Amino acid sequence: MPSWAITLITVAVLLGIAAAAVISLIRSRKRSKSPCGGACSSCPYCCGCNKK
């Protein structure tokens, strides 16, 4: 198998994993779940949270 094909397959797999992670975060956000687990007292970004 040529090296360019291996590189292409690797990039495709990595893009698939990244897309799955982004989709998961978007779905979680739509369900109003916090992706960090909800430990706001120890979160450095607690002031930027969009709590409802």
Protein backbone atom coordinates (compact mmCIF):
# COMPACT_ATOMS: atom_id res chain seq x y z
CA MET A 1 0.00 0.00 0.00
CA PRO A 2 1.45 3.40 -0.95
CA SER A 3 2.36 5.77 1.84
CA TRP A 4 -0.04 8.45 0.58
CA ALA A 5 -2.94 6.02 1.00
CA ILE A 6 -1.99 5.31 4.60
CA THR A 7 -1.78 9.05 5.26
CA LEU A 8 -5.17 9.60 3.63
CA ILE A 9 -6.79 6.85 5.71
CA THR A 10 -5.24 8.23 8.90
CA VAL A 11 -6.49 11.76 8.17
CA ALA A 12 -9.97 10.43 7.38
CA VAL A 13 -10.12 8.51 10.67
CA LEU A 14 -8.95 11.55 12.66
CA LEU A 15 -11.49 13.79 10.95
CA GLY A 16 -14.21 11.27 11.75
CA ILE A 17 -13.25 11.24 15.43
CA ALA A 18 -13.16 15.04 15.56
CA ALA A 19 -16.56 15.28 13.85
CA ALA A 20 -18.06 12.78 16.32
CA ALA A 21 -16.73 14.82 19.25
CA VAL A 22 -18.17 18.07 17.88
CA ILE A 23 -21.54 16.46 17.20
CA SER A 24 -21.59 15.05 20.72
CA LEU A 25 -20.86 18.49 22.21
CA ILE A 26 -23.58 20.12 20.09
CA ARG A 27 -26.17 17.52 21.12
CA SER A 28 -25.14 17.85 24.75
CA ARG A 29 -25.47 21.63 24.51
CA LYS A 30 -28.96 21.35 22.99
CA ARG A 31 -30.02 19.12 25.91
CA SER A 32 -28.63 21.77 28.30
CA LYS A 33 -26.09 19.42 29.78
CA SER A 34 -22.74 20.75 30.85
CA PRO A 35 -19.82 19.10 29.02
CA CYS A 36 -17.57 19.66 32.04
CA GLY A 37 -19.65 17.64 34.50
CA GLY A 38 -21.08 20.53 36.48
CA ALA A 39 -18.31 21.11 39.04
CA CYS A 40 -18.62 24.89 38.78
CA SER A 41 -16.88 25.70 42.06
CA SER A 42 -13.57 24.39 40.74
CA CYS A 43 -14.01 25.55 37.15
CA PRO A 44 -11.80 28.41 35.93
CA TYR A 45 -14.50 29.34 33.39
CA CYS A 46 -17.44 29.40 35.83
CA CYS A 47 -18.12 33.09 35.20
CA GLY A 48 -18.56 32.43 31.48
CA CYS A 49 -21.08 29.63 31.86
CA ASN A 50 -24.49 30.18 30.31
CA LYS A 51 -26.60 28.65 33.04
CA LYS A 52 -30.33 28.59 32.47
